[in-house]
Amino acid sequence: MEIDKLMSMLKVKKHLKVGIMGGTFNPIHYGHLVTAEESLKQFKLDKVIFVPTGTPPHKTSGVLAEAEDRYLMTVIATASNADFLVSRIEIDNMETSYTIDTLKRFQEIFKEKVTLYFITGADAILEILTWKNPVEITNLYKFIAATRPGYDISKIEDLKKKLYSHPADAKDHIFLMEIPALAISSTDIRERIRTKKPIKYLMPEGAVNYILKHGLYS
């Protein structure tokens, strides 16, 4: 997504609420899309920007498809939703992708006209202490942590105590969001492809066709 498209969003309202959904999207699936849509509605976001990771700072399990393939699959999967955008901001960056650097770059683009919400899974946010500058990032930006019904949130509450001196600060920065219990993961999809099991209805048809056409994860 080009910078001019980002800037055009600022002409709509004086202030915007924008969700940033980062991840390898290796590959993207309906779990990602449901999480983005729920964030959009529950938090009244104006847009959700998907940001495929370029060079992830942590090792990934299994085969990591080329960044361009993951970007194109994300574009295909989100094309039908006008509230979803996809950014090349990380995959065009040759350096390791750190969330705090990406969010700061978006903030520089939008300046004070946008409040940024980083959308991720509850399991991922439990690892935030291993991220670059975890205390700084969780004080500068807001986080939406997606959980499934019945998820044990006690570890999230323990994490908040480590990150914030005052409970009120945590309430203003880390939000839990319950989503439908979709037991879909990129790891499982890659394994199903490797073992020649069906992946139809686990992800958008266009992304499925892209994987089959280019022989990804086989």
N, C-alpha and C. Protein backbone atom coordinates (compact mmCIF):
# COMPACT_ATOMS: atom_id res chain seq x y z
N MET A 1 0.85 -1.19 0.00
CA MET A 1 0.00 0.00 0.00
C MET A 1 0.88 1.24 0.00
N GLU A 2 0.69 2.12 -0.95
CA GLU A 2 1.53 3.29 -1.10
C GLU A 2 1.20 4.33 -0.04
N ILE A 3 2.18 5.22 0.20
CA ILE A 3 2.01 6.26 1.22
C ILE A 3 0.83 7.16 0.89
N ASP A 4 0.60 7.44 -0.41
CA ASP A 4 -0.49 8.36 -0.75
C ASP A 4 -1.85 7.78 -0.37
N LYS A 5 -1.98 6.45 -0.40
CA LYS A 5 -3.24 5.83 0.02
C LYS A 5 -3.42 5.97 1.53
N LEU A 6 -2.32 5.86 2.26
CA LEU A 6 -2.39 6.07 3.70
C LEU A 6 -2.82 7.51 3.99
N MET A 7 -2.19 8.44 3.31
CA MET A 7 -2.48 9.85 3.58
C MET A 7 -3.90 10.22 3.18
N SER A 8 -4.45 9.54 2.17
CA SER A 8 -5.81 9.86 1.75
C SER A 8 -6.82 9.54 2.84
N MET A 9 -6.47 8.60 3.74
CA MET A 9 -7.35 8.25 4.84
C MET A 9 -7.54 9.44 5.78
N LEU A 10 -6.53 10.28 5.88
CA LEU A 10 -6.58 11.39 6.82
C LEU A 10 -7.57 12.47 6.39
N LYS A 11 -7.96 12.45 5.13
CA LYS A 11 -8.88 13.46 4.62
C LYS A 11 -10.33 13.14 5.00
N VAL A 12 -10.56 11.91 5.46
CA VAL A 12 -11.93 11.49 5.79
C VAL A 12 -12.40 12.10 7.10
N LYS A 13 -11.55 12.02 8.12
CA LYS A 13 -11.91 12.54 9.44
C LYS A 13 -10.71 13.27 10.03
N LYS A 14 -10.98 14.04 11.08
CA LYS A 14 -9.88 14.72 11.75
C LYS A 14 -9.02 13.72 12.50
N HIS A 15 -9.66 12.73 13.10
CA HIS A 15 -8.91 11.73 13.86
C HIS A 15 -9.41 10.34 13.50
N LEU A 16 -8.49 9.41 13.33
CA LEU A 16 -8.83 8.04 12.95
C LEU A 16 -8.33 7.04 13.98
N LYS A 17 -9.01 5.91 14.05
CA LYS A 17 -8.56 4.78 14.85
C LYS A 17 -8.22 3.67 13.86
N VAL A 18 -6.95 3.29 13.84
CA VAL A 18 -6.47 2.34 12.84
C VAL A 18 -5.85 1.12 13.51
N GLY A 19 -6.29 -0.05 13.08
CA GLY A 19 -5.72 -1.29 13.58
C GLY A 19 -4.55 -1.71 12.70
N ILE A 20 -3.46 -2.11 13.32
CA ILE A 20 -2.30 -2.64 12.60
C ILE A 20 -2.21 -4.13 12.95
N MET A 21 -2.40 -4.98 11.96
CA MET A 21 -2.35 -6.42 12.20
C MET A 21 -1.09 -6.99 11.57
N GLY A 22 -0.10 -7.24 12.40
CA GLY A 22 1.15 -7.78 11.90
C GLY A 22 1.20 -9.29 12.04
N GLY A 23 2.07 -9.90 11.27
CA GLY A 23 2.23 -11.35 11.34
C GLY A 23 2.93 -11.85 10.09
N THR A 24 3.38 -13.09 10.13
CA THR A 24 4.00 -13.66 8.94
C THR A 24 2.96 -13.96 7.88
N PHE A 25 1.71 -14.27 8.31
CA PHE A 25 0.64 -14.68 7.38
C PHE A 25 1.18 -15.77 6.46
N ASN A 26 1.58 -16.86 7.10
CA ASN A 26 2.33 -17.93 6.45
C ASN A 26 1.62 -19.28 6.50
N PRO A 27 0.41 -19.41 5.88
CA PRO A 27 -0.29 -18.40 5.07
C PRO A 27 -1.41 -17.73 5.88
N ILE A 28 -2.02 -16.71 5.29
CA ILE A 28 -3.18 -16.06 5.90
C ILE A 28 -4.37 -17.01 5.84
N HIS A 29 -5.24 -16.95 6.87
CA HIS A 29 -6.41 -17.83 6.90
C HIS A 29 -7.59 -17.11 7.54
N TYR A 30 -8.72 -17.82 7.64
CA TYR A 30 -9.93 -17.18 8.14
C TYR A 30 -9.81 -16.73 9.59
N GLY A 31 -8.97 -17.38 10.37
CA GLY A 31 -8.76 -16.93 11.75
C GLY A 31 -8.24 -15.50 11.79
N HIS A 32 -7.30 -15.18 10.89
CA HIS A 32 -6.77 -13.81 10.81
C HIS A 32 -7.88 -12.83 10.42
N LEU A 33 -8.67 -13.21 9.43
CA LEU A 33 -9.70 -12.32 8.92
C LEU A 33 -10.81 -12.07 9.94
N VAL A 34 -11.20 -13.12 10.65
CA VAL A 34 -12.22 -12.96 11.69
C VAL A 34 -11.70 -12.04 12.80
N THR A 35 -10.44 -12.22 13.19
CA THR A 35 -9.84 -11.38 14.23
C THR A 35 -9.84 -9.92 13.80
N ALA A 36 -9.48 -9.66 12.55
CA ALA A 36 -9.44 -8.28 12.04
C ALA A 36 -10.84 -7.68 12.00
N GLU A 37 -11.81 -8.46 11.55
CA GLU A 37 -13.19 -7.96 11.45
C GLU A 37 -13.78 -7.68 12.83
N GLU A 38 -13.53 -8.58 13.79
CA GLU A 38 -14.01 -8.36 15.15
C GLU A 38 -13.38 -7.11 15.75
N SER A 39 -12.10 -6.91 15.52
CA SER A 39 -11.42 -5.71 16.02
C SER A 39 -12.05 -4.46 15.42
N LEU A 40 -12.31 -4.52 14.13
CA LEU A 40 -12.90 -3.39 13.41
C LEU A 40 -14.23 -2.98 14.04
N LYS A 41 -15.07 -3.97 14.33
CA LYS A 41 -16.42 -3.70 14.85
C LYS A 41 -16.41 -3.39 16.35
N GLN A 42 -15.72 -4.22 17.14
CA GLN A 42 -15.75 -4.05 18.60
C GLN A 42 -15.09 -2.75 19.05
N PHE A 43 -14.03 -2.34 18.35
CA PHE A 43 -13.29 -1.15 18.78
C PHE A 43 -13.56 0.05 17.87
N LYS A 44 -14.53 -0.12 16.96
CA LYS A 44 -14.94 0.97 16.08
C LYS A 44 -13.74 1.58 15.34
N LEU A 45 -12.93 0.70 14.78
CA LEU A 45 -11.76 1.14 14.02
C LEU A 45 -12.22 1.64 12.64
N ASP A 46 -11.47 2.56 12.07
CA ASP A 46 -11.79 3.05 10.74
C ASP A 46 -11.24 2.12 9.65
N LYS A 47 -10.06 1.57 9.89
CA LYS A 47 -9.44 0.64 8.96
C LYS A 47 -8.58 -0.35 9.74
N VAL A 48 -8.32 -1.50 9.11
CA VAL A 48 -7.32 -2.43 9.62
C VAL A 48 -6.28 -2.62 8.52
N ILE A 49 -5.03 -2.37 8.87
CA ILE A 49 -3.93 -2.54 7.91
C ILE A 49 -3.18 -3.82 8.24
N PHE A 50 -3.16 -4.75 7.31
CA PHE A 50 -2.40 -5.99 7.46
C PHE A 50 -0.95 -5.70 7.06
N VAL A 51 -0.02 -6.15 7.90
CA VAL A 51 1.40 -5.87 7.65
C VAL A 51 2.18 -7.19 7.67
N PRO A 52 2.32 -7.84 6.53
CA PRO A 52 3.12 -9.08 6.49
C PRO A 52 4.57 -8.80 6.89
N THR A 53 5.09 -9.66 7.74
CA THR A 53 6.46 -9.50 8.22
C THR A 53 7.46 -9.73 7.10
N GLY A 54 8.50 -8.91 7.08
CA GLY A 54 9.59 -9.11 6.13
C GLY A 54 10.53 -10.17 6.64
N THR A 55 11.45 -9.76 7.51
CA THR A 55 12.38 -10.69 8.17
C THR A 55 12.01 -10.74 9.64
N PRO A 56 11.35 -11.82 10.09
CA PRO A 56 10.90 -11.88 11.49
C PRO A 56 12.08 -11.99 12.45
N PRO A 57 12.01 -11.32 13.61
CA PRO A 57 13.10 -11.36 14.58
C PRO A 57 13.22 -12.69 15.30
N HIS A 58 12.11 -13.44 15.37
CA HIS A 58 12.13 -14.73 16.04
C HIS A 58 12.06 -15.83 15.00
N LYS A 59 12.64 -16.96 15.31
CA LYS A 59 12.60 -18.09 14.40
C LYS A 59 11.16 -18.57 14.23
N THR A 60 10.82 -18.94 13.01
CA THR A 60 9.48 -19.46 12.74
C THR A 60 9.55 -20.97 12.59
N SER A 61 8.48 -21.63 13.01
CA SER A 61 8.44 -23.09 12.87
C SER A 61 7.97 -23.45 11.47
N GLY A 62 8.63 -24.39 10.85
CA GLY A 62 8.23 -24.82 9.51
C GLY A 62 8.78 -23.91 8.43
N VAL A 63 8.30 -24.12 7.22
CA VAL A 63 8.78 -23.38 6.06
C VAL A 63 8.17 -21.98 6.02
N LEU A 64 9.01 -20.97 5.83
CA LEU A 64 8.52 -19.60 5.69
C LEU A 64 8.53 -19.25 4.21
N ALA A 65 7.35 -19.01 3.63
CA ALA A 65 7.26 -18.65 2.23
C ALA A 65 7.92 -17.30 1.99
N GLU A 66 8.29 -17.04 0.74
CA GLU A 66 8.91 -15.75 0.41
C GLU A 66 7.98 -14.60 0.78
N ALA A 67 8.57 -13.49 1.17
CA ALA A 67 7.78 -12.34 1.62
C ALA A 67 6.79 -11.89 0.55
N GLU A 68 7.20 -11.88 -0.70
CA GLU A 68 6.33 -11.43 -1.78
C GLU A 68 5.12 -12.34 -1.92
N ASP A 69 5.32 -13.66 -1.76
CA ASP A 69 4.20 -14.60 -1.83
C ASP A 69 3.22 -14.36 -0.68
N ARG A 70 3.76 -14.14 0.52
CA ARG A 70 2.88 -13.91 1.67
C ARG A 70 2.13 -12.60 1.53
N TYR A 71 2.79 -11.59 0.96
CA TYR A 71 2.13 -10.31 0.71
C TYR A 71 0.99 -10.47 -0.30
N LEU A 72 1.25 -11.15 -1.40
CA LEU A 72 0.24 -11.30 -2.44
C LEU A 72 -0.95 -12.13 -1.95
N MET A 73 -0.68 -13.17 -1.15
CA MET A 73 -1.78 -13.96 -0.59
C MET A 73 -2.64 -13.10 0.33
N THR A 74 -2.01 -12.21 1.09
CA THR A 74 -2.75 -11.33 1.99
C THR A 74 -3.60 -10.34 1.20
N VAL A 75 -3.06 -9.81 0.11
CA VAL A 75 -3.82 -8.91 -0.75
C VAL A 75 -5.04 -9.62 -1.32
N ILE A 76 -4.83 -10.84 -1.81
CA ILE A 76 -5.94 -11.62 -2.39
C ILE A 76 -7.01 -11.90 -1.33
N ALA A 77 -6.57 -12.29 -0.15
CA ALA A 77 -7.51 -12.70 0.91
C ALA A 77 -8.33 -11.54 1.44
N THR A 78 -7.80 -10.31 1.38
CA THR A 78 -8.48 -9.15 1.96
C THR A 78 -9.16 -8.27 0.91
N ALA A 79 -9.02 -8.62 -0.37
CA ALA A 79 -9.46 -7.74 -1.46
C ALA A 79 -10.94 -7.40 -1.42
N SER A 80 -11.77 -8.29 -0.89
CA SER A 80 -13.22 -8.06 -0.92
C SER A 80 -13.71 -7.16 0.22
N ASN A 81 -12.84 -6.78 1.14
CA ASN A 81 -13.24 -5.96 2.28
C ASN A 81 -12.62 -4.57 2.16
N ALA A 82 -13.45 -3.58 1.93
CA ALA A 82 -12.96 -2.21 1.73
C ALA A 82 -12.31 -1.61 2.98
N ASP A 83 -12.57 -2.21 4.14
CA ASP A 83 -11.99 -1.70 5.39
C ASP A 83 -10.64 -2.33 5.70
N PHE A 84 -10.21 -3.28 4.87
CA PHE A 84 -8.92 -3.92 5.05
C PHE A 84 -7.93 -3.38 4.01
N LEU A 85 -6.74 -3.02 4.46
CA LEU A 85 -5.66 -2.60 3.59
C LEU A 85 -4.44 -3.47 3.87
N VAL A 86 -3.51 -3.52 2.93
CA VAL A 86 -2.29 -4.30 3.12
C VAL A 86 -1.09 -3.40 2.85
N SER A 87 -0.11 -3.44 3.73
CA SER A 87 1.07 -2.58 3.62
C SER A 87 2.33 -3.40 3.32
N ARG A 88 3.20 -2.84 2.50
CA ARG A 88 4.51 -3.43 2.19
C ARG A 88 5.60 -2.85 3.11
N ILE A 89 5.22 -2.13 4.13
CA ILE A 89 6.16 -1.35 4.93
C ILE A 89 7.27 -2.22 5.54
N GLU A 90 6.95 -3.49 5.83
CA GLU A 90 7.96 -4.38 6.41
C GLU A 90 8.67 -5.21 5.35
N ILE A 91 7.94 -5.73 4.37
CA ILE A 91 8.60 -6.62 3.42
C ILE A 91 9.55 -5.86 2.48
N ASP A 92 9.34 -4.54 2.32
CA ASP A 92 10.25 -3.75 1.50
C ASP A 92 11.46 -3.27 2.31
N ASN A 93 11.42 -3.53 3.60
CA ASN A 93 12.54 -3.16 4.47
C ASN A 93 13.47 -4.36 4.60
N MET A 94 14.71 -4.21 4.21
CA MET A 94 15.66 -5.33 4.21
C MET A 94 16.11 -5.73 5.61
N GLU A 95 15.85 -4.86 6.59
CA GLU A 95 16.30 -5.14 7.95
C GLU A 95 15.27 -6.00 8.69
N THR A 96 15.66 -6.52 9.84
CA THR A 96 14.76 -7.32 10.67
C THR A 96 13.56 -6.48 11.07
N SER A 97 12.37 -7.07 11.02
CA SER A 97 11.13 -6.36 11.31
C SER A 97 10.81 -6.41 12.80
N TYR A 98 10.86 -5.26 13.45
CA TYR A 98 10.48 -5.16 14.86
C TYR A 98 9.19 -4.35 14.95
N THR A 99 8.25 -4.82 15.75
CA THR A 99 6.94 -4.18 15.84
C THR A 99 7.03 -2.72 16.24
N ILE A 100 7.88 -2.40 17.20
CA ILE A 100 7.96 -1.02 17.66
C ILE A 100 8.44 -0.09 16.54
N ASP A 101 9.37 -0.57 15.70
CA ASP A 101 9.85 0.27 14.60
C ASP A 101 8.75 0.48 13.56
N THR A 102 7.98 -0.58 13.29
CA THR A 102 6.89 -0.47 12.33
C THR A 102 5.82 0.51 12.81
N LEU A 103 5.45 0.40 14.08
CA LEU A 103 4.42 1.29 14.62
C LEU A 103 4.90 2.74 14.62
N LYS A 104 6.17 2.95 14.91
CA LYS A 104 6.70 4.32 14.88
C LYS A 104 6.68 4.89 13.46
N ARG A 105 6.94 4.03 12.48
CA ARG A 105 6.91 4.50 11.08
C ARG A 105 5.48 4.89 10.69
N PHE A 106 4.50 4.09 11.10
CA PHE A 106 3.11 4.45 10.82
C PHE A 106 2.74 5.75 11.53
N GLN A 107 3.20 5.90 12.77
CA GLN A 107 2.87 7.11 13.52
C GLN A 107 3.48 8.34 12.86
N GLU A 108 4.67 8.19 12.29
CA GLU A 108 5.31 9.30 11.57
C GLU A 108 4.49 9.68 10.34
N ILE A 109 3.92 8.67 9.68
CA ILE A 109 3.11 8.93 8.49
C ILE A 109 1.81 9.64 8.86
N PHE A 110 1.12 9.08 9.88
CA PHE A 110 -0.19 9.61 10.26
C PHE A 110 -0.10 10.82 11.19
N LYS A 111 1.03 10.94 11.90
CA LYS A 111 1.25 11.97 12.91
C LYS A 111 0.20 11.84 14.01
N GLU A 112 -0.29 12.99 14.52
CA GLU A 112 -1.19 12.93 15.68
C GLU A 112 -2.63 12.64 15.29
N LYS A 113 -2.89 12.47 14.00
CA LYS A 113 -4.27 12.32 13.54
C LYS A 113 -4.81 10.90 13.69
N VAL A 114 -3.98 9.97 14.17
CA VAL A 114 -4.39 8.57 14.25
C VAL A 114 -4.00 7.95 15.58
N THR A 115 -4.91 7.15 16.14
CA THR A 115 -4.58 6.30 17.28
C THR A 115 -4.38 4.89 16.74
N LEU A 116 -3.23 4.30 17.04
CA LEU A 116 -2.89 2.98 16.51
C LEU A 116 -3.19 1.88 17.52
N TYR A 117 -3.84 0.83 17.02
CA TYR A 117 -4.12 -0.37 17.81
C TYR A 117 -3.39 -1.54 17.15
N PHE A 118 -2.49 -2.18 17.88
CA PHE A 118 -1.82 -3.36 17.32
C PHE A 118 -2.63 -4.59 17.67
N ILE A 119 -3.02 -5.35 16.64
CA ILE A 119 -3.89 -6.52 16.81
C ILE A 119 -3.05 -7.78 16.78
N THR A 120 -3.19 -8.60 17.80
CA THR A 120 -2.43 -9.85 17.85
C THR A 120 -3.20 -10.87 18.67
N GLY A 121 -2.67 -12.07 18.76
CA GLY A 121 -3.32 -13.10 19.56
C GLY A 121 -2.87 -13.03 21.01
N ALA A 122 -3.69 -13.55 21.91
CA ALA A 122 -3.35 -13.52 23.33
C ALA A 122 -2.06 -14.29 23.60
N ASP A 123 -1.86 -15.41 22.90
CA ASP A 123 -0.63 -16.18 23.10
C ASP A 123 0.60 -15.38 22.69
N ALA A 124 0.46 -14.60 21.63
CA ALA A 124 1.58 -13.79 21.15
C ALA A 124 1.92 -12.67 22.12
N ILE A 125 0.89 -12.05 22.69
CA ILE A 125 1.17 -10.93 23.58
C ILE A 125 1.80 -11.41 24.90
N LEU A 126 1.61 -12.67 25.23
CA LEU A 126 2.26 -13.22 26.42
C LEU A 126 3.78 -13.27 26.24
N GLU A 127 4.24 -13.19 24.99
CA GLU A 127 5.67 -13.21 24.70
C GLU A 127 6.23 -11.81 24.51
N ILE A 128 5.45 -10.80 24.82
CA ILE A 128 5.84 -9.42 24.50
C ILE A 128 7.11 -8.98 25.24
N LEU A 129 7.40 -9.60 26.36
CA LEU A 129 8.62 -9.24 27.09
C LEU A 129 9.88 -9.63 26.33
N THR A 130 9.73 -10.49 25.32
CA THR A 130 10.88 -10.86 24.48
C THR A 130 10.99 -9.96 23.25
N TRP A 131 10.01 -9.04 23.07
CA TRP A 131 10.03 -8.14 21.93
C TRP A 131 11.03 -7.00 22.18
N LYS A 132 11.33 -6.26 21.15
CA LYS A 132 12.20 -5.10 21.28
C LYS A 132 11.47 -3.99 22.03
N ASN A 133 12.09 -3.49 23.10
CA ASN A 133 11.55 -2.39 23.91
C ASN A 133 10.10 -2.63 24.34
N PRO A 134 9.83 -3.72 25.07
CA PRO A 134 8.44 -4.06 25.42
C PRO A 134 7.73 -3.03 26.28
N VAL A 135 8.41 -2.44 27.23
CA VAL A 135 7.76 -1.45 28.10
C VAL A 135 7.41 -0.20 27.31
N GLU A 136 8.32 0.24 26.46
CA GLU A 136 8.06 1.44 25.65
C GLU A 136 6.89 1.23 24.71
N ILE A 137 6.88 0.09 24.02
CA ILE A 137 5.84 -0.14 23.02
C ILE A 137 4.46 -0.26 23.65
N THR A 138 4.38 -0.87 24.83
CA THR A 138 3.07 -1.04 25.47
C THR A 138 2.59 0.21 26.17
N ASN A 139 3.45 1.21 26.28
CA ASN A 139 3.02 2.50 26.82
C ASN A 139 2.69 3.50 25.72
N LEU A 140 3.31 3.32 24.56
CA LEU A 140 3.07 4.23 23.44
C LEU A 140 1.81 3.90 22.66
N TYR A 141 1.51 2.58 22.56
CA TYR A 141 0.43 2.15 21.67
C TYR A 141 -0.57 1.26 22.40
N LYS A 142 -1.72 1.06 21.75
CA LYS A 142 -2.77 0.22 22.30
C LYS A 142 -2.70 -1.17 21.66
N PHE A 143 -3.04 -2.19 22.44
CA PHE A 143 -2.96 -3.56 21.97
C PHE A 143 -4.31 -4.26 22.13
N ILE A 144 -4.71 -4.97 21.08
CA ILE A 144 -5.90 -5.81 21.13
C ILE A 144 -5.43 -7.26 21.10
N ALA A 145 -5.70 -7.98 22.18
CA ALA A 145 -5.28 -9.38 22.28
C ALA A 145 -6.48 -10.29 22.09
N ALA A 146 -6.49 -11.02 21.00
CA ALA A 146 -7.63 -11.87 20.67
C ALA A 146 -7.58 -13.18 21.44
N THR A 147 -8.70 -13.55 22.06
CA THR A 147 -8.80 -14.80 22.80
C THR A 147 -10.00 -15.60 22.29
N ARG A 148 -9.99 -16.88 22.58
CA ARG A 148 -11.13 -17.72 22.27
C ARG A 148 -12.00 -17.87 23.51
N PRO A 149 -13.28 -18.20 23.36
CA PRO A 149 -14.14 -18.41 24.54
C PRO A 149 -13.53 -19.45 25.47
N GLY A 150 -13.51 -19.11 26.76
CA GLY A 150 -12.96 -20.03 27.75
C GLY A 150 -11.47 -19.88 27.96
N TYR A 151 -10.83 -18.93 27.29
CA TYR A 151 -9.38 -18.74 27.42
C TYR A 151 -9.02 -18.28 28.83
N ASP A 152 -7.98 -18.87 29.40
CA ASP A 152 -7.52 -18.51 30.74
C ASP A 152 -6.75 -17.19 30.67
N ILE A 153 -7.36 -16.11 31.18
CA ILE A 153 -6.74 -14.80 31.05
C ILE A 153 -5.83 -14.44 32.23
N SER A 154 -5.63 -15.37 33.15
CA SER A 154 -4.83 -15.06 34.34
C SER A 154 -3.39 -14.67 33.98
N LYS A 155 -2.83 -15.31 32.95
CA LYS A 155 -1.46 -14.99 32.54
C LYS A 155 -1.38 -13.58 31.95
N ILE A 156 -2.45 -13.18 31.27
CA ILE A 156 -2.50 -11.82 30.73
C ILE A 156 -2.51 -10.80 31.86
N GLU A 157 -3.28 -11.09 32.89
CA GLU A 157 -3.35 -10.20 34.05
C GLU A 157 -1.99 -10.11 34.74
N ASP A 158 -1.28 -11.24 34.83
CA ASP A 158 0.06 -11.23 35.43
C ASP A 158 1.02 -10.40 34.58
N LEU A 159 0.87 -10.48 33.25
CA LEU A 159 1.73 -9.71 32.36
C LEU A 159 1.50 -8.21 32.55
N LYS A 160 0.25 -7.81 32.69
CA LYS A 160 -0.06 -6.40 32.89
C LYS A 160 0.65 -5.85 34.12
N LYS A 161 0.72 -6.65 35.18
CA LYS A 161 1.39 -6.20 36.41
C LYS A 161 2.88 -5.97 36.20
N LYS A 162 3.47 -6.75 35.27
CA LYS A 162 4.89 -6.59 34.99
C LYS A 162 5.16 -5.37 34.12
N LEU A 163 4.19 -5.00 33.29
CA LEU A 163 4.39 -3.92 32.34
C LEU A 163 3.99 -2.55 32.88
N TYR A 164 3.01 -2.53 33.80
CA TYR A 164 2.47 -1.25 34.25
C TYR A 164 2.50 -1.13 35.77
N SER A 165 2.86 0.05 36.22
CA SER A 165 2.89 0.31 37.66
C SER A 165 1.48 0.50 38.21
N HIS A 166 0.61 1.07 37.38
CA HIS A 166 -0.76 1.35 37.81
C HIS A 166 -1.75 0.55 36.96
N PRO A 167 -2.69 -0.15 37.58
CA PRO A 167 -3.69 -0.94 36.85
C PRO A 167 -4.45 -0.15 35.79
N ALA A 168 -4.69 1.13 36.04
CA ALA A 168 -5.44 1.96 35.10
C ALA A 168 -4.70 2.08 33.77
N ASP A 169 -3.36 2.09 33.82
CA ASP A 169 -2.57 2.18 32.59
C ASP A 169 -2.80 0.97 31.70
N ALA A 170 -2.89 -0.21 32.32
CA ALA A 170 -3.12 -1.44 31.56
C ALA A 170 -4.48 -1.42 30.88
N LYS A 171 -5.47 -0.88 31.58
CA LYS A 171 -6.83 -0.81 31.01
C LYS A 171 -6.89 0.08 29.78
N ASP A 172 -6.00 1.06 29.73
CA ASP A 172 -5.99 2.00 28.61
C ASP A 172 -5.15 1.51 27.44
N HIS A 173 -4.38 0.44 27.63
CA HIS A 173 -3.44 0.02 26.60
C HIS A 173 -3.59 -1.43 26.13
N ILE A 174 -4.04 -2.33 26.97
CA ILE A 174 -4.19 -3.73 26.57
C ILE A 174 -5.65 -4.14 26.73
N PHE A 175 -6.26 -4.52 25.61
CA PHE A 175 -7.67 -4.90 25.60
C PHE A 175 -7.81 -6.36 25.15
N LEU A 176 -8.60 -7.11 25.89
CA LEU A 176 -8.88 -8.49 25.49
C LEU A 176 -10.12 -8.52 24.62
N MET A 177 -10.09 -9.34 23.59
CA MET A 177 -11.20 -9.43 22.65
C MET A 177 -11.51 -10.89 22.38
N GLU A 178 -12.69 -11.31 22.76
CA GLU A 178 -13.08 -12.70 22.52
C GLU A 178 -13.61 -12.86 21.10
N ILE A 179 -13.14 -13.89 20.41
CA ILE A 179 -13.58 -14.16 19.05
C ILE A 179 -14.12 -15.58 18.98
N PRO A 180 -14.90 -15.90 17.94
CA PRO A 180 -15.42 -17.26 17.79
C PRO A 180 -14.29 -18.29 17.80
N ALA A 181 -14.59 -19.45 18.32
CA ALA A 181 -13.57 -20.49 18.52
C ALA A 181 -13.21 -21.16 17.20
N LEU A 182 -12.40 -20.48 16.40
CA LEU A 182 -11.93 -21.06 15.15
C LEU A 182 -10.57 -21.72 15.38
N ALA A 183 -10.54 -23.03 15.37
CA ALA A 183 -9.29 -23.75 15.63
C ALA A 183 -8.51 -23.90 14.32
N ILE A 184 -8.09 -22.76 13.77
CA ILE A 184 -7.34 -22.75 12.53
C ILE A 184 -5.99 -22.11 12.81
N SER A 185 -4.92 -22.71 12.30
CA SER A 185 -3.60 -22.12 12.45
C SER A 185 -2.81 -22.28 11.16
N SER A 186 -1.89 -21.35 10.93
CA SER A 186 -1.04 -21.44 9.74
C SER A 186 -0.18 -22.70 9.78
N THR A 187 0.26 -23.08 10.99
CA THR A 187 1.08 -24.29 11.14
C THR A 187 0.31 -25.51 10.67
N ASP A 188 -0.95 -25.62 11.09
CA ASP A 188 -1.78 -26.76 10.69
C ASP A 188 -2.02 -26.77 9.18
N ILE A 189 -2.26 -25.58 8.61
CA ILE A 189 -2.49 -25.49 7.18
C ILE A 189 -1.26 -25.94 6.40
N ARG A 190 -0.07 -25.50 6.83
CA ARG A 190 1.16 -25.93 6.15
C ARG A 190 1.34 -27.44 6.23
N GLU A 191 1.02 -28.02 7.38
CA GLU A 191 1.15 -29.46 7.55
C GLU A 191 0.15 -30.20 6.67
N ARG A 192 -1.06 -29.68 6.57
CA ARG A 192 -2.07 -30.31 5.72
C ARG A 192 -1.64 -30.28 4.26
N ILE A 193 -1.03 -29.18 3.85
CA ILE A 193 -0.54 -29.10 2.47
C ILE A 193 0.58 -30.12 2.24
N ARG A 194 1.48 -30.20 3.21
CA ARG A 194 2.61 -31.13 3.08
C ARG A 194 2.15 -32.58 2.98
N THR A 195 1.09 -32.90 3.72
CA THR A 195 0.59 -34.28 3.74
C THR A 195 -0.58 -34.48 2.77
N LYS A 196 -0.78 -33.47 1.90
CA LYS A 196 -1.79 -33.56 0.84
C LYS A 196 -3.22 -33.73 1.38
N LYS A 197 -3.51 -33.03 2.48
CA LYS A 197 -4.87 -33.01 3.03
C LYS A 197 -5.56 -31.73 2.56
N PRO A 198 -6.88 -31.70 2.50
CA PRO A 198 -7.59 -30.52 1.98
C PRO A 198 -7.46 -29.31 2.90
N ILE A 199 -7.36 -28.13 2.28
CA ILE A 199 -7.32 -26.87 3.03
C ILE A 199 -8.47 -25.96 2.64
N LYS A 200 -9.33 -26.44 1.77
CA LYS A 200 -10.48 -25.65 1.34
C LYS A 200 -11.36 -25.34 2.55
N TYR A 201 -11.88 -24.12 2.59
CA TYR A 201 -12.74 -23.60 3.66
C TYR A 201 -11.98 -23.25 4.94
N LEU A 202 -10.65 -23.41 4.93
CA LEU A 202 -9.84 -22.95 6.05
C LEU A 202 -9.29 -21.55 5.78
N MET A 203 -9.30 -21.17 4.51
CA MET A 203 -8.78 -19.88 4.09
C MET A 203 -9.48 -19.46 2.80
N PRO A 204 -9.40 -18.18 2.42
CA PRO A 204 -10.08 -17.73 1.21
C PRO A 204 -9.65 -18.51 -0.02
N GLU A 205 -10.59 -18.74 -0.92
CA GLU A 205 -10.33 -19.56 -2.09
C GLU A 205 -9.19 -19.01 -2.95
N GLY A 206 -9.13 -17.68 -3.08
CA GLY A 206 -8.07 -17.08 -3.87
C GLY A 206 -6.69 -17.41 -3.33
N ALA A 207 -6.55 -17.39 -1.99
CA ALA A 207 -5.27 -17.73 -1.37
C ALA A 207 -4.94 -19.21 -1.55
N VAL A 208 -5.97 -20.06 -1.46
CA VAL A 208 -5.77 -21.50 -1.70
C VAL A 208 -5.24 -21.72 -3.11
N ASN A 209 -5.87 -21.07 -4.09
CA ASN A 209 -5.45 -21.23 -5.48
C ASN A 209 -4.03 -20.71 -5.70
N TYR A 210 -3.67 -19.64 -5.00
CA TYR A 210 -2.31 -19.10 -5.13
C TYR A 210 -1.29 -20.11 -4.63
N ILE A 211 -1.59 -20.73 -3.49
CA ILE A 211 -0.69 -21.74 -2.93
C ILE A 211 -0.51 -22.91 -3.89
N LEU A 212 -1.63 -23.40 -4.43
CA LEU A 212 -1.57 -24.54 -5.34
C LEU A 212 -0.84 -24.20 -6.63
N LYS A 213 -1.09 -23.00 -7.15
CA LYS A 213 -0.46 -22.58 -8.40
C LYS A 213 1.06 -22.46 -8.27
N HIS A 214 1.52 -21.97 -7.12
CA HIS A 214 2.94 -21.71 -6.93
C HIS A 214 3.65 -22.82 -6.14
N GLY A 215 2.90 -23.86 -5.77
CA GLY A 215 3.51 -25.00 -5.09
C GLY A 215 4.10 -24.68 -3.74
N LEU A 216 3.47 -23.76 -3.02
CA LEU A 216 4.00 -23.37 -1.70
C LEU A 216 3.73 -24.44 -0.65
N TYR A 217 4.69 -24.59 0.26
CA TYR A 217 4.60 -25.46 1.44
C TYR A 217 4.56 -26.95 1.11
N SER A 218 4.75 -27.33 -0.14
CA SER A 218 4.69 -28.76 -0.49
C SER A 218 5.97 -29.48 -0.04
